[in-house]
Amino acid sequence: MNKAVGLRGEARLVVGDADTAVALGSGDVEVLGTPRLVALFEQATVEALRGVLDDGQSSVGMRVQIDHLQPTPVGAEVVVEATLDKIEGRRITFTVTASDSGGLVAAGKVTRVTIDVDKFMAKCCAAG
């Protein structure tokens, strides 16, 4: 997996009404909501890992640290990029950025953890 450092993933979204802070309950303005932005960051990290993990493995989100710097209006496209920076055991850390036609929208770090899907689901279902 160390060969994976530098891998990149991308996610794109044209902001719709359902993506706004108002619709998501995270604010009172009709612009891209931070929760939707976080989901895009997660999507880009998953894309970066697509085809790299062993059979039966996946990854789950562990930590998201972002600064949401400027608003993106409904109708604008936001482009999210994730670059794999570091692998420490099962922890995988990405640098993430989001941009729209006005420039940088958000930046930060996302950490994911690799899992064995069967073990993870057994633990999950046994707890519930």
Protein backbone atom coordinates (compact mmCIF):
# COMPACT_ATOMS: atom_id res chain seq x y z
CA MET A 1 0.00 0.00 0.00
CA ASN A 2 2.96 2.39 0.41
CA LYS A 3 3.03 2.71 -3.37
CA ALA A 4 -0.35 4.40 -3.01
CA VAL A 5 1.12 7.65 -1.60
CA GLY A 6 0.34 10.38 -4.10
CA LEU A 7 -2.83 8.74 -5.43
CA ARG A 8 -5.55 11.23 -6.27
CA GLY A 9 -9.31 11.13 -6.32
CA GLU A 10 -11.89 13.64 -7.46
CA ALA A 11 -15.57 14.42 -6.93
CA ARG A 12 -17.67 17.05 -8.69
CA LEU A 13 -21.04 18.54 -7.92
CA VAL A 14 -23.27 21.19 -9.41
CA VAL A 15 -24.83 22.61 -6.25
CA GLY A 16 -28.59 22.06 -6.10
CA ASP A 17 -31.24 23.08 -3.61
CA ALA A 18 -30.83 19.79 -1.70
CA ASP A 19 -27.11 20.55 -1.16
CA THR A 20 -27.62 23.85 0.66
CA ALA A 21 -27.07 24.63 4.32
CA VAL A 22 -30.81 25.29 4.64
CA ALA A 23 -31.79 21.89 3.21
CA LEU A 24 -29.20 20.09 5.35
CA GLY A 25 -30.12 21.91 8.55
CA SER A 26 -26.64 23.32 9.00
CA GLY A 27 -27.44 26.97 8.43
CA ASP A 28 -29.86 29.58 7.17
CA VAL A 29 -28.36 30.43 3.77
CA GLU A 30 -28.93 28.94 0.31
CA VAL A 31 -25.29 27.99 -0.42
CA LEU A 32 -23.35 24.72 -0.40
CA GLY A 33 -23.69 23.28 3.10
CA THR A 34 -20.61 22.12 4.97
CA PRO A 35 -22.08 18.62 5.56
CA ARG A 36 -22.43 18.14 1.79
CA LEU A 37 -18.87 19.39 1.31
CA VAL A 38 -17.62 16.84 3.86
CA ALA A 39 -19.46 14.09 1.94
CA LEU A 40 -17.72 15.22 -1.27
CA PHE A 41 -14.35 15.07 0.46
CA GLU A 42 -15.12 11.53 1.63
CA GLN A 43 -16.23 10.59 -1.90
CA ALA A 44 -12.95 11.87 -3.38
CA THR A 45 -10.89 9.85 -0.86
CA VAL A 46 -12.85 6.70 -1.71
CA GLU A 47 -12.19 7.34 -5.39
CA ALA A 48 -8.47 7.68 -4.68
CA LEU A 49 -8.45 4.23 -3.06
CA ARG A 50 -10.62 2.52 -5.69
CA GLY A 51 -8.84 -0.63 -6.90
CA VAL A 52 -5.93 -0.25 -4.48
CA LEU A 53 -7.19 -2.12 -1.41
CA ASP A 54 -6.99 -5.90 -1.14
CA ASP A 55 -10.05 -8.06 -1.80
CA GLY A 56 -12.32 -8.05 1.25
CA GLN A 57 -10.96 -4.71 2.43
CA SER A 58 -12.52 -1.29 2.43
CA SER A 59 -11.97 1.94 4.30
CA VAL A 60 -14.09 4.01 6.65
CA GLY A 61 -13.92 7.65 7.62
CA MET A 62 -12.22 8.39 10.92
CA ARG A 63 -11.42 12.11 11.03
CA VAL A 64 -12.31 15.17 8.96
CA GLN A 65 -10.58 18.48 9.57
CA ILE A 66 -11.54 21.22 7.13
CA ASP A 67 -11.77 24.95 6.82
CA HIS A 68 -14.81 26.03 4.77
CA LEU A 69 -13.50 29.35 3.47
CA GLN A 70 -16.06 30.77 1.04
CA PRO A 71 -19.64 30.12 -0.11
CA THR A 72 -20.62 28.31 -3.30
CA PRO A 73 -24.02 29.32 -4.71
CA VAL A 74 -26.72 27.04 -6.09
CA GLY A 75 -25.96 26.30 -9.74
CA ALA A 76 -22.19 26.54 -9.39
CA GLU A 77 -19.92 23.52 -9.83
CA VAL A 78 -17.57 22.57 -7.02
CA VAL A 79 -14.57 20.33 -7.73
CA VAL A 80 -13.07 18.36 -4.85
CA GLU A 81 -9.64 16.74 -4.97
CA ALA A 82 -8.04 14.33 -2.50
CA THR A 83 -4.35 13.41 -2.51
CA LEU A 84 -3.08 10.51 -0.41
CA ASP A 85 -0.31 11.91 1.80
CA LYS A 86 0.53 9.33 4.41
CA ILE A 87 -0.06 5.73 5.38
CA GLU A 88 0.49 4.74 9.01
CA GLY A 89 -0.56 1.15 9.59
CA ARG A 90 -4.28 1.10 8.85
CA ARG A 91 -4.62 4.91 8.87
CA ILE A 92 -4.60 6.70 5.53
CA THR A 93 -4.38 10.51 5.49
CA PHE A 94 -5.39 12.72 2.58
CA THR A 95 -5.02 16.41 1.84
CA VAL A 96 -8.30 17.68 0.40
CA THR A 97 -9.29 20.83 -1.45
CA ALA A 98 -12.51 22.15 -2.96
CA SER A 99 -12.71 24.87 -5.58
CA ASP A 100 -15.32 26.60 -7.67
CA SER A 101 -15.10 29.31 -10.32
CA GLY A 102 -14.30 31.82 -7.57
CA GLY A 103 -11.25 29.90 -6.32
CA LEU A 104 -10.54 27.87 -3.21
CA VAL A 105 -13.71 26.98 -1.27
CA ALA A 106 -12.29 24.66 1.41
CA ALA A 107 -9.15 22.77 2.39
CA GLY A 108 -8.10 20.29 5.02
CA LYS A 109 -7.31 16.69 5.90
CA VAL A 110 -9.34 13.49 5.85
CA THR A 111 -8.19 10.32 7.62
CA ARG A 112 -9.62 6.93 6.72
CA VAL A 113 -8.93 3.50 8.27
CA THR A 114 -8.70 0.27 6.32
CA ILE A 115 -11.00 -2.51 7.49
CA ASP A 116 -11.72 -6.14 6.80
CA VAL A 117 -15.34 -5.86 5.61
CA ASP A 118 -16.52 -9.20 7.05
CA LYS A 119 -15.01 -8.54 10.50
CA PHE A 120 -16.30 -4.97 10.50
CA MET A 121 -19.84 -6.00 9.61
CA ALA A 122 -19.81 -8.87 12.13
CA LYS A 123 -18.79 -6.43 14.86
CA CYS A 124 -21.35 -3.89 13.69
CA CYS A 125 -24.24 -6.35 13.52
CA ALA A 126 -23.33 -8.08 16.80
CA ALA A 127 -23.50 -4.71 18.57
CA GLY A 128 -26.96 -3.91 17.20
